[in-house]
Amino acid sequence: MNSQYWIIFAAILLACLMAYKPEMFIPNPKHRTPRFVAALKSIGTVVAGVLIVWLFLNLFRR
């Protein structure tokens, strides 16, 4: 397997972790407002979805 796919897989795992537990990505407790946590959760979900679609298109299009 190409190393590029391992990097994309690691990015998908990080994005899924951000979607599941966004509080881990906010080091300052003062910034953990519900709105900011929701924004991080949305960003993680969208990034994971885009990367998964890109990975499947890259793997199965050949």
PDB file of N, CA and C in Angstrom:
ATOM      1  N   MET A   1       0.848  -1.180   0.000  1.00  0.00           N
ATOM      2  CA  MET A   1       0.000   0.000   0.000  1.00  0.00           C
ATOM      3  C   MET A   1       0.893   1.243   0.000  1.00  0.00           C
ATOM      4  N   ASN A   2       0.487   2.209  -0.760  1.00  0.00           N
ATOM      5  CA  ASN A   2       1.235   3.450  -0.866  1.00  0.00           C
ATOM      6  C   ASN A   2       1.192   4.207   0.468  1.00  0.00           C
ATOM      7  N   SER A   3       2.271   4.885   0.834  1.00  0.00           N
ATOM      8  CA  SER A   3       2.315   5.596   2.111  1.00  0.00           C
ATOM      9  C   SER A   3       1.325   6.755   2.143  1.00  0.00           C
ATOM     10  N   GLN A   4       0.948   7.267   0.983  1.00  0.00           N
ATOM     11  CA  GLN A   4      -0.028   8.355   0.928  1.00  0.00           C
ATOM     12  C   GLN A   4      -1.358   7.908   1.557  1.00  0.00           C
ATOM     13  N   TYR A   5      -1.738   6.672   1.329  1.00  0.00           N
ATOM     14  CA  TYR A   5      -3.000   6.172   1.877  1.00  0.00           C
ATOM     15  C   TYR A   5      -2.937   6.048   3.396  1.00  0.00           C
ATOM     16  N   TRP A   6      -1.781   5.727   3.948  1.00  0.00           N
ATOM     17  CA  TRP A   6      -1.644   5.666   5.398  1.00  0.00           C
ATOM     18  C   TRP A   6      -1.804   7.055   6.020  1.00  0.00           C
ATOM     19  N   ILE A   7      -1.275   8.067   5.356  1.00  0.00           N
ATOM     20  CA  ILE A   7      -1.404   9.432   5.855  1.00  0.00           C
ATOM     21  C   ILE A   7      -2.860   9.883   5.805  1.00  0.00           C
ATOM     22  N   ILE A   8      -3.539   9.568   4.722  1.00  0.00           N
ATOM     23  CA  ILE A   8      -4.964   9.911   4.607  1.00  0.00           C
ATOM     24  C   ILE A   8      -5.781   9.151   5.652  1.00  0.00           C
ATOM     25  N   PHE A   9      -5.442   7.885   5.884  1.00  0.00           N
ATOM     26  CA  PHE A   9      -6.136   7.101   6.902  1.00  0.00           C
ATOM     27  C   PHE A   9      -5.934   7.711   8.294  1.00  0.00           C
ATOM     28  N   ALA A  10      -4.720   8.162   8.592  1.00  0.00           N
ATOM     29  CA  ALA A  10      -4.453   8.821   9.874  1.00  0.00           C
ATOM     30  C   ALA A  10      -5.234  10.131   9.982  1.00  0.00           C
ATOM     31  N   ALA A  11      -5.331  10.874   8.885  1.00  0.00           N
ATOM     32  CA  ALA A  11      -6.106  12.123   8.894  1.00  0.00           C
ATOM     33  C   ALA A  11      -7.588  11.838   9.113  1.00  0.00           C
ATOM     34  N   ILE A  12      -8.082  10.747   8.539  1.00  0.00           N
ATOM     35  CA  ILE A  12      -9.490  10.359   8.751  1.00  0.00           C
ATOM     36  C   ILE A  12      -9.711  10.021  10.221  1.00  0.00           C
ATOM     37  N   LEU A  13      -8.777   9.289  10.822  1.00  0.00           N
ATOM     38  CA  LEU A  13      -8.916   8.953  12.241  1.00  0.00           C
ATOM     39  C   LEU A  13      -8.911  10.203  13.120  1.00  0.00           C
ATOM     40  N   LEU A  14      -8.030  11.153  12.814  1.00  0.00           N
ATOM     41  CA  LEU A  14      -8.007  12.405  13.579  1.00  0.00           C
ATOM     42  C   LEU A  14      -9.303  13.201  13.400  1.00  0.00           C
ATOM     43  N   ALA A  15      -9.818  13.242  12.180  1.00  0.00           N
ATOM     44  CA  ALA A  15     -11.063  13.971  11.927  1.00  0.00           C
ATOM     45  C   ALA A  15     -12.235  13.297  12.639  1.00  0.00           C
ATOM     46  N   CYS A  16     -12.252  11.967  12.646  1.00  0.00           N
ATOM     47  CA  CYS A  16     -13.315  11.251  13.370  1.00  0.00           C
ATOM     48  C   CYS A  16     -13.206  11.501  14.873  1.00  0.00           C
ATOM     49  N   LEU A  17     -11.974  11.546  15.386  1.00  0.00           N
ATOM     50  CA  LEU A  17     -11.784  11.851  16.798  1.00  0.00           C
ATOM     51  C   LEU A  17     -12.248  13.270  17.104  1.00  0.00           C
ATOM     52  N   MET A  18     -11.995  14.194  16.192  1.00  0.00           N
ATOM     53  CA  MET A  18     -12.456  15.568  16.381  1.00  0.00           C
ATOM     54  C   MET A  18     -13.981  15.638  16.348  1.00  0.00           C
ATOM     55  N   ALA A  19     -14.602  14.818  15.514  1.00  0.00           N
ATOM     56  CA  ALA A  19     -16.063  14.819  15.459  1.00  0.00           C
ATOM     57  C   ALA A  19     -16.664  14.166  16.700  1.00  0.00           C
ATOM     58  N   TYR A  20     -15.966  13.179  17.257  1.00  0.00           N
ATOM     59  CA  TYR A  20     -16.499  12.446  18.415  1.00  0.00           C
ATOM     60  C   TYR A  20     -16.213  13.157  19.734  1.00  0.00           C
ATOM     61  N   LYS A  21     -15.006  13.668  19.895  1.00  0.00           N
ATOM     62  CA  LYS A  21     -14.586  14.297  21.154  1.00  0.00           C
ATOM     63  C   LYS A  21     -13.842  15.597  20.864  1.00  0.00           C
ATOM     64  N   PRO A  22     -14.546  16.658  20.461  1.00  0.00           N
ATOM     65  CA  PRO A  22     -13.880  17.908  20.086  1.00  0.00           C
ATOM     66  C   PRO A  22     -13.216  18.636  21.252  1.00  0.00           C
ATOM     67  N   GLU A  23     -13.586  18.298  22.488  1.00  0.00           N
ATOM     68  CA  GLU A  23     -12.992  18.963  23.640  1.00  0.00           C
ATOM     69  C   GLU A  23     -11.492  18.696  23.747  1.00  0.00           C
ATOM     70  N   MET A  24     -11.034  17.584  23.181  1.00  0.00           N
ATOM     71  CA  MET A  24      -9.613  17.251  23.233  1.00  0.00           C
ATOM     72  C   MET A  24      -8.767  18.215  22.420  1.00  0.00           C
ATOM     73  N   PHE A  25      -9.360  18.893  21.459  1.00  0.00           N
ATOM     74  CA  PHE A  25      -8.629  19.770  20.555  1.00  0.00           C
ATOM     75  C   PHE A  25      -8.686  21.236  20.987  1.00  0.00           C
ATOM     76  N   ILE A  26      -9.222  21.498  22.168  1.00  0.00           N
ATOM     77  CA  ILE A  26      -9.285  22.860  22.710  1.00  0.00           C
ATOM     78  C   ILE A  26      -8.454  22.872  23.991  1.00  0.00           C
ATOM     79  N   PRO A  27      -7.192  23.306  23.922  1.00  0.00           N
ATOM     80  CA  PRO A  27      -6.337  23.228  25.105  1.00  0.00           C
ATOM     81  C   PRO A  27      -6.721  24.204  26.227  1.00  0.00           C
ATOM     82  N   ASN A  28      -7.298  25.344  25.895  1.00  0.00           N
ATOM     83  CA  ASN A  28      -7.647  26.338  26.898  1.00  0.00           C
ATOM     84  C   ASN A  28      -9.097  26.123  27.339  1.00  0.00           C
ATOM     85  N   PRO A  29      -9.335  25.790  28.613  1.00  0.00           N
ATOM     86  CA  PRO A  29     -10.713  25.541  29.066  1.00  0.00           C
ATOM     87  C   PRO A  29     -11.639  26.758  28.939  1.00  0.00           C
ATOM     88  N   LYS A  30     -11.079  27.963  28.909  1.00  0.00           N
ATOM     89  CA  LYS A  30     -11.913  29.163  28.776  1.00  0.00           C
ATOM     90  C   LYS A  30     -12.576  29.242  27.410  1.00  0.00           C
ATOM     91  N   HIS A  31     -12.013  28.580  26.425  1.00  0.00           N
ATOM     92  CA  HIS A  31     -12.530  28.653  25.062  1.00  0.00           C
ATOM     93  C   HIS A  31     -13.530  27.536  24.756  1.00  0.00           C
ATOM     94  N   ARG A  32     -13.818  26.691  25.725  1.00  0.00           N
ATOM     95  CA  ARG A  32     -14.727  25.557  25.492  1.00  0.00           C
ATOM     96  C   ARG A  32     -16.187  25.975  25.614  1.00  0.00           C
ATOM     97  N   THR A  33     -16.598  26.886  24.778  1.00  0.00           N
ATOM     98  CA  THR A  33     -18.000  27.283  24.764  1.00  0.00           C
ATOM     99  C   THR A  33     -18.780  26.265  23.937  1.00  0.00           C
ATOM    100  N   PRO A  34     -20.057  26.111  24.189  1.00  0.00           N
ATOM    101  CA  PRO A  34     -20.854  25.135  23.421  1.00  0.00           C
ATOM    102  C   PRO A  34     -20.842  25.412  21.917  1.00  0.00           C
ATOM    103  N   ARG A  35     -20.828  26.676  21.565  1.00  0.00           N
ATOM    104  CA  ARG A  35     -20.820  27.028  20.140  1.00  0.00           C
ATOM    105  C   ARG A  35     -19.504  26.618  19.468  1.00  0.00           C
ATOM    106  N   PHE A  36     -18.377  26.822  20.148  1.00  0.00           N
ATOM    107  CA  PHE A  36     -17.076  26.469  19.593  1.00  0.00           C
ATOM    108  C   PHE A  36     -16.924  24.947  19.507  1.00  0.00           C
ATOM    109  N   VAL A  37     -17.397  24.238  20.512  1.00  0.00           N
ATOM    110  CA  VAL A  37     -17.352  22.774  20.490  1.00  0.00           C
ATOM    111  C   VAL A  37     -18.204  22.242  19.343  1.00  0.00           C
ATOM    112  N   ALA A  38     -19.372  22.824  19.136  1.00  0.00           N
ATOM    113  CA  ALA A  38     -20.239  22.402  18.032  1.00  0.00           C
ATOM    114  C   ALA A  38     -19.582  22.689  16.682  1.00  0.00           C
ATOM    115  N   ALA A  39     -18.897  23.812  16.574  1.00  0.00           N
ATOM    116  CA  ALA A  39     -18.211  24.142  15.323  1.00  0.00           C
ATOM    117  C   ALA A  39     -17.097  23.138  15.036  1.00  0.00           C
ATOM    118  N   LEU A  40     -16.324  22.782  16.051  1.00  0.00           N
ATOM    119  CA  LEU A  40     -15.267  21.784  15.855  1.00  0.00           C
ATOM    120  C   LEU A  40     -15.839  20.421  15.488  1.00  0.00           C
ATOM    121  N   LYS A  41     -16.956  20.067  16.094  1.00  0.00           N
ATOM    122  CA  LYS A  41     -17.596  18.791  15.777  1.00  0.00           C
ATOM    123  C   LYS A  41     -18.061  18.781  14.321  1.00  0.00           C
ATOM    124  N   SER A  42     -18.614  19.878  13.855  1.00  0.00           N
ATOM    125  CA  SER A  42     -19.059  19.972  12.464  1.00  0.00           C
ATOM    126  C   SER A  42     -17.880  19.906  11.497  1.00  0.00           C
ATOM    127  N   ILE A  43     -16.808  20.604  11.826  1.00  0.00           N
ATOM    128  CA  ILE A  43     -15.622  20.579  10.970  1.00  0.00           C
ATOM    129  C   ILE A  43     -15.048  19.173  10.889  1.00  0.00           C
ATOM    130  N   GLY A  44     -14.952  18.483  12.023  1.00  0.00           N
ATOM    131  CA  GLY A  44     -14.443  17.119  12.033  1.00  0.00           C
ATOM    132  C   GLY A  44     -15.296  16.172  11.209  1.00  0.00           C
ATOM    133  N   THR A  45     -16.606  16.322  11.298  1.00  0.00           N
ATOM    134  CA  THR A  45     -17.509  15.470  10.539  1.00  0.00           C
ATOM    135  C   THR A  45     -17.360  15.691   9.036  1.00  0.00           C
ATOM    136  N   VAL A  46     -17.313  16.933   8.631  1.00  0.00           N
ATOM    137  CA  VAL A  46     -17.200  17.253   7.205  1.00  0.00           C
ATOM    138  C   VAL A  46     -15.856  16.801   6.646  1.00  0.00           C
ATOM    139  N   VAL A  47     -14.787  17.059   7.374  1.00  0.00           N
ATOM    140  CA  VAL A  47     -13.455  16.667   6.899  1.00  0.00           C
ATOM    141  C   VAL A  47     -13.351  15.151   6.793  1.00  0.00           C
ATOM    142  N   ALA A  48     -13.861  14.431   7.780  1.00  0.00           N
ATOM    143  CA  ALA A  48     -13.826  12.969   7.721  1.00  0.00           C
ATOM    144  C   ALA A  48     -14.624  12.461   6.519  1.00  0.00           C
ATOM    145  N   GLY A  49     -15.791  13.031   6.281  1.00  0.00           N
ATOM    146  CA  GLY A  49     -16.603  12.609   5.140  1.00  0.00           C
ATOM    147  C   GLY A  49     -15.918  12.848   3.807  1.00  0.00           C
ATOM    148  N   VAL A  50     -15.338  14.014   3.661  1.00  0.00           N
ATOM    149  CA  VAL A  50     -14.653  14.345   2.408  1.00  0.00           C
ATOM    150  C   VAL A  50     -13.456  13.424   2.191  1.00  0.00           C
ATOM    151  N   LEU A  51     -12.679  13.180   3.237  1.00  0.00           N
ATOM    152  CA  LEU A  51     -11.516  12.311   3.094  1.00  0.00           C
ATOM    153  C   LEU A  51     -11.905  10.864   2.804  1.00  0.00           C
ATOM    154  N   ILE A  52     -12.986  10.391   3.399  1.00  0.00           N
ATOM    155  CA  ILE A  52     -13.441   9.023   3.126  1.00  0.00           C
ATOM    156  C   ILE A  52     -13.897   8.899   1.679  1.00  0.00           C
ATOM    157  N   VAL A  53     -14.653   9.864   1.200  1.00  0.00           N
ATOM    158  CA  VAL A  53     -15.091   9.833  -0.205  1.00  0.00           C
ATOM    159  C   VAL A  53     -13.886   9.894  -1.136  1.00  0.00           C
ATOM    160  N   TRP A  54     -12.940  10.773  -0.835  1.00  0.00           N
ATOM    161  CA  TRP A  54     -11.749  10.886  -1.676  1.00  0.00           C
ATOM    162  C   TRP A  54     -10.953   9.582  -1.683  1.00  0.00           C
ATOM    163  N   LEU A  55     -10.819   8.954  -0.516  1.00  0.00           N
ATOM    164  CA  LEU A  55     -10.064   7.703  -0.429  1.00  0.00           C
ATOM    165  C   LEU A  55     -10.735   6.606  -1.237  1.00  0.00           C
ATOM    166  N   PHE A  56     -12.050   6.458  -1.115  1.00  0.00           N
ATOM    167  CA  PHE A  56     -12.745   5.419  -1.878  1.00  0.00           C
ATOM    168  C   PHE A  56     -12.698   5.681  -3.379  1.00  0.00           C
ATOM    169  N   LEU A  57     -12.820   6.925  -3.774  1.00  0.00           N
ATOM    170  CA  LEU A  57     -12.731   7.229  -5.200  1.00  0.00           C
ATOM    171  C   LEU A  57     -11.326   6.936  -5.729  1.00  0.00           C
ATOM    172  N   ASN A  58     -10.325   7.231  -4.934  1.00  0.00           N
ATOM    173  CA  ASN A  58      -8.950   6.970  -5.352  1.00  0.00           C
ATOM    174  C   ASN A  58      -8.647   5.472  -5.393  1.00  0.00           C
ATOM    175  N   LEU A  59      -9.168   4.719  -4.463  1.00  0.00           N
ATOM    176  CA  LEU A  59      -8.869   3.292  -4.404  1.00  0.00           C
ATOM    177  C   LEU A  59      -9.614   2.486  -5.462  1.00  0.00           C
ATOM    178  N   PHE A  60     -10.864   2.811  -5.707  1.00  0.00           N
ATOM    179  CA  PHE A  60     -11.703   1.966  -6.560  1.00  0.00           C
ATOM    180  C   PHE A  60     -11.864   2.488  -7.979  1.00  0.00           C
ATOM    181  N   ARG A  61     -11.327   3.651  -8.298  1.00  0.00           N
ATOM    182  CA  ARG A  61     -11.472   4.189  -9.636  1.00  0.00           C
ATOM    183  C   ARG A  61     -10.463   3.573 -10.595  1.00  0.00           C
ATOM    184  N   ARG A  62      -9.410   2.990 -10.102  1.00  0.00           N
ATOM    185  CA  ARG A  62      -8.369   2.450 -10.957  1.00  0.00           C
ATOM    186  C   ARG A  62      -8.721   1.106 -11.517  1.00  0.00           C
TER     187      ARG A  62
END
